[in-house]
């Protein structure tokens, strides 16, 4: 069974685009929440992300992974693929 991947983004955010590109390259299906200017959605994201309000915020199987740099660091360390299984 594939992992449940969720990502909170803004449309024009270069870090969001980069994080989604990594997931797409790996063939991962994900749910994207585009929260441009939606403070209520951003507050919900921050609550899930331990107060972090920057985008993207990424969750795998309801576990907060972090942002763009975090997911790329996991990939570089060889720890992302096991999470996505």
N, C-alpha and C. Protein backbone atom coordinates (compact mmCIF):
# COMPACT_ATOMS: atom_id res chain seq x y z
N UNK A 1 0.84 -1.19 0.00
CA UNK A 1 0.00 0.00 0.00
C UNK A 1 0.88 1.25 0.00
N UNK A 2 0.55 2.18 -0.85
CA UNK A 2 1.34 3.40 -0.96
C UNK A 2 1.09 4.32 0.23
N UNK A 3 2.08 5.12 0.54
CA UNK A 3 1.98 6.08 1.63
C UNK A 3 0.98 7.17 1.29
N UNK A 4 0.37 7.73 2.32
CA UNK A 4 -0.52 8.88 2.16
C UNK A 4 0.32 10.13 2.31
N UNK A 5 0.53 10.84 1.19
CA UNK A 5 1.38 12.03 1.18
C UNK A 5 0.51 13.26 0.99
N UNK A 6 0.69 14.25 1.86
CA UNK A 6 -0.04 15.51 1.78
C UNK A 6 0.97 16.64 1.78
N UNK A 7 0.69 17.68 0.98
CA UNK A 7 1.59 18.82 0.90
C UNK A 7 0.77 20.11 0.84
N UNK A 8 1.11 21.03 1.71
CA UNK A 8 0.48 22.36 1.72
C UNK A 8 1.38 23.29 0.91
N UNK A 9 0.80 24.01 -0.05
CA UNK A 9 1.58 24.83 -0.96
C UNK A 9 0.94 26.19 -1.24
N UNK A 10 1.74 27.06 -1.84
CA UNK A 10 1.28 28.26 -2.54
C UNK A 10 1.64 28.05 -3.99
N UNK A 11 0.80 28.49 -4.91
CA UNK A 11 1.01 28.25 -6.34
C UNK A 11 2.36 28.74 -6.85
N UNK A 12 2.79 29.93 -6.44
CA UNK A 12 3.99 30.53 -7.00
C UNK A 12 5.25 30.30 -6.15
N UNK A 13 5.17 29.49 -5.13
CA UNK A 13 6.29 29.24 -4.22
C UNK A 13 7.33 28.32 -4.87
N UNK A 14 8.55 28.81 -5.08
CA UNK A 14 9.56 27.96 -5.73
C UNK A 14 9.94 26.73 -4.91
N UNK A 15 9.88 26.83 -3.59
CA UNK A 15 10.19 25.68 -2.74
C UNK A 15 9.09 24.62 -2.85
N UNK A 16 7.85 25.07 -2.98
CA UNK A 16 6.73 24.15 -3.17
C UNK A 16 6.87 23.41 -4.49
N UNK A 17 7.21 24.15 -5.53
CA UNK A 17 7.38 23.56 -6.86
C UNK A 17 8.51 22.53 -6.83
N UNK A 18 9.59 22.86 -6.14
CA UNK A 18 10.74 21.94 -6.05
C UNK A 18 10.38 20.67 -5.27
N UNK A 19 9.65 20.82 -4.18
CA UNK A 19 9.25 19.64 -3.39
C UNK A 19 8.31 18.76 -4.19
N UNK A 20 7.36 19.36 -4.89
CA UNK A 20 6.42 18.57 -5.72
C UNK A 20 7.16 17.88 -6.86
N UNK A 21 8.17 18.54 -7.42
CA UNK A 21 8.96 17.93 -8.50
C UNK A 21 9.65 16.66 -8.01
N UNK A 22 10.17 16.69 -6.79
CA UNK A 22 10.82 15.50 -6.23
C UNK A 22 9.80 14.36 -6.08
N UNK A 23 8.64 14.68 -5.54
CA UNK A 23 7.61 13.65 -5.38
C UNK A 23 7.16 13.11 -6.74
N UNK A 24 6.98 14.01 -7.71
CA UNK A 24 6.58 13.57 -9.05
C UNK A 24 7.65 12.69 -9.69
N UNK A 25 8.93 13.06 -9.50
CA UNK A 25 10.03 12.27 -10.05
C UNK A 25 10.01 10.86 -9.50
N UNK A 26 9.60 10.73 -8.25
CA UNK A 26 9.53 9.42 -7.61
C UNK A 26 8.22 8.69 -7.92
N UNK A 27 7.34 9.34 -8.68
CA UNK A 27 6.07 8.71 -9.04
C UNK A 27 5.09 8.62 -7.89
N UNK A 28 5.22 9.53 -6.94
CA UNK A 28 4.37 9.51 -5.74
C UNK A 28 3.09 10.31 -5.99
N UNK A 29 1.97 9.69 -5.69
CA UNK A 29 0.70 10.43 -5.71
C UNK A 29 0.58 11.16 -4.39
N UNK A 30 0.10 12.40 -4.45
CA UNK A 30 -0.03 13.18 -3.22
C UNK A 30 -1.25 14.07 -3.29
N UNK A 31 -1.73 14.44 -2.12
CA UNK A 31 -2.83 15.39 -2.01
C UNK A 31 -2.21 16.76 -1.77
N UNK A 32 -2.57 17.71 -2.62
CA UNK A 32 -2.04 19.06 -2.49
C UNK A 32 -3.12 19.99 -1.98
N UNK A 33 -2.78 20.75 -0.96
CA UNK A 33 -3.66 21.78 -0.43
C UNK A 33 -3.05 23.13 -0.80
N UNK A 34 -3.63 23.81 -1.77
CA UNK A 34 -3.15 25.12 -2.19
C UNK A 34 -3.81 26.15 -1.28
N UNK A 35 -3.00 26.82 -0.47
CA UNK A 35 -3.56 27.69 0.58
C UNK A 35 -3.26 29.16 0.35
N UNK A 36 -2.99 29.55 -0.89
CA UNK A 36 -2.69 30.95 -1.21
C UNK A 36 -3.67 31.90 -0.53
N UNK A 37 -3.18 32.71 0.40
CA UNK A 37 -3.98 33.75 1.01
C UNK A 37 -5.11 33.28 1.91
N UNK A 38 -5.21 31.98 2.17
CA UNK A 38 -6.29 31.44 3.00
C UNK A 38 -5.76 31.26 4.43
N UNK A 39 -5.99 32.26 5.26
CA UNK A 39 -5.43 32.24 6.62
C UNK A 39 -6.01 31.10 7.46
N UNK A 40 -7.25 30.73 7.23
CA UNK A 40 -7.85 29.63 7.98
C UNK A 40 -7.14 28.32 7.64
N UNK A 41 -6.88 28.10 6.35
CA UNK A 41 -6.17 26.88 5.93
C UNK A 41 -4.73 26.90 6.44
N UNK A 42 -4.11 28.08 6.43
CA UNK A 42 -2.73 28.19 6.91
C UNK A 42 -2.67 27.90 8.41
N UNK A 43 -3.66 28.36 9.15
CA UNK A 43 -3.70 28.09 10.59
C UNK A 43 -3.85 26.59 10.85
N UNK A 44 -4.67 25.91 10.05
CA UNK A 44 -4.83 24.46 10.19
C UNK A 44 -3.51 23.76 9.89
N UNK A 45 -2.83 24.20 8.83
CA UNK A 45 -1.54 23.62 8.48
C UNK A 45 -0.55 23.82 9.63
N UNK A 46 -0.48 25.04 10.17
CA UNK A 46 0.45 25.35 11.25
C UNK A 46 0.17 24.49 12.49
N UNK A 47 -1.10 24.24 12.75
CA UNK A 47 -1.46 23.40 13.89
C UNK A 47 -0.91 21.99 13.68
N UNK A 48 -1.04 21.47 12.46
CA UNK A 48 -0.53 20.13 12.15
C UNK A 48 0.99 20.10 12.13
N UNK A 49 1.62 21.24 11.75
CA UNK A 49 3.06 21.30 11.53
C UNK A 49 3.82 21.88 12.72
N UNK A 50 3.29 21.69 13.91
CA UNK A 50 3.98 22.14 15.13
C UNK A 50 4.31 23.63 15.10
N UNK A 51 3.38 24.42 14.55
CA UNK A 51 3.54 25.87 14.54
C UNK A 51 4.24 26.44 13.32
N UNK A 52 4.78 25.59 12.46
CA UNK A 52 5.47 26.10 11.27
C UNK A 52 4.44 26.65 10.28
N UNK A 53 4.68 27.88 9.82
CA UNK A 53 3.73 28.55 8.93
C UNK A 53 4.28 28.74 7.51
N UNK A 54 5.52 28.34 7.29
CA UNK A 54 6.10 28.46 5.95
C UNK A 54 5.59 27.32 5.06
N UNK A 55 5.65 27.54 3.77
CA UNK A 55 5.26 26.49 2.82
C UNK A 55 6.48 26.11 1.99
N UNK A 56 6.54 24.87 1.54
CA UNK A 56 5.55 23.81 1.77
C UNK A 56 5.71 23.18 3.16
N UNK A 57 4.65 22.52 3.58
CA UNK A 57 4.71 21.63 4.73
C UNK A 57 4.23 20.28 4.23
N UNK A 58 5.00 19.24 4.52
CA UNK A 58 4.77 17.92 3.95
C UNK A 58 4.51 16.92 5.06
N UNK A 59 3.53 16.06 4.81
CA UNK A 59 3.15 15.01 5.75
C UNK A 59 3.13 13.68 5.01
N UNK A 60 3.70 12.65 5.63
CA UNK A 60 3.64 11.30 5.08
C UNK A 60 3.01 10.43 6.14
N UNK A 61 1.87 9.82 5.79
CA UNK A 61 1.10 9.00 6.73
C UNK A 61 0.84 9.75 8.04
N UNK A 62 0.43 11.01 7.89
CA UNK A 62 0.09 11.88 9.01
C UNK A 62 1.28 12.30 9.86
N UNK A 63 2.49 11.93 9.48
CA UNK A 63 3.70 12.35 10.20
C UNK A 63 4.26 13.59 9.52
N UNK A 64 4.53 14.63 10.30
CA UNK A 64 5.08 15.86 9.75
C UNK A 64 6.53 15.64 9.35
N UNK A 65 6.82 15.84 8.07
CA UNK A 65 8.16 15.66 7.53
C UNK A 65 8.92 16.97 7.54
N UNK A 66 8.22 18.08 7.29
CA UNK A 66 8.84 19.39 7.24
C UNK A 66 8.63 20.02 5.88
N UNK A 67 9.61 20.81 5.46
CA UNK A 67 9.49 21.55 4.21
C UNK A 67 10.34 20.98 3.10
N UNK A 68 10.63 21.82 2.13
CA UNK A 68 11.37 21.42 0.94
C UNK A 68 12.77 20.91 1.29
N UNK A 69 13.51 21.67 2.08
CA UNK A 69 14.87 21.25 2.44
C UNK A 69 14.84 19.93 3.21
N UNK A 70 13.83 19.76 4.05
CA UNK A 70 13.72 18.54 4.86
C UNK A 70 13.49 17.31 3.98
N UNK A 71 12.60 17.41 3.01
CA UNK A 71 12.31 16.25 2.17
C UNK A 71 13.50 15.92 1.27
N UNK A 72 14.21 16.95 0.80
CA UNK A 72 15.40 16.69 -0.01
C UNK A 72 16.52 16.08 0.83
N UNK A 73 16.65 16.50 2.09
CA UNK A 73 17.65 15.92 2.98
C UNK A 73 17.34 14.45 3.27
N UNK A 74 16.06 14.14 3.47
CA UNK A 74 15.66 12.74 3.67
C UNK A 74 16.01 11.91 2.45
N UNK A 75 15.75 12.46 1.27
CA UNK A 75 16.05 11.75 0.03
C UNK A 75 17.56 11.52 -0.10
N UNK A 76 18.35 12.55 0.16
CA UNK A 76 19.81 12.44 0.04
C UNK A 76 20.38 11.41 1.02
N UNK A 77 19.73 11.27 2.17
CA UNK A 77 20.19 10.32 3.19
C UNK A 77 19.64 8.91 2.95
N UNK A 78 18.84 8.75 1.89
CA UNK A 78 18.26 7.44 1.60
C UNK A 78 17.11 7.06 2.51
N UNK A 79 16.53 8.04 3.21
CA UNK A 79 15.47 7.75 4.18
C UNK A 79 14.07 8.07 3.65
N UNK A 80 13.98 8.70 2.47
CA UNK A 80 12.65 9.07 1.96
C UNK A 80 11.92 7.88 1.36
N UNK A 81 12.61 7.09 0.54
CA UNK A 81 11.94 5.96 -0.12
C UNK A 81 11.27 5.00 0.85
N UNK A 82 11.93 4.62 1.97
CA UNK A 82 11.23 3.74 2.92
C UNK A 82 9.94 4.37 3.48
N UNK A 83 9.94 5.69 3.69
CA UNK A 83 8.73 6.35 4.19
C UNK A 83 7.60 6.32 3.17
N UNK A 84 7.97 6.29 1.89
CA UNK A 84 6.97 6.33 0.82
C UNK A 84 6.39 4.96 0.49
N UNK A 85 6.95 3.91 1.06
CA UNK A 85 6.46 2.55 0.77
C UNK A 85 5.14 2.26 1.44
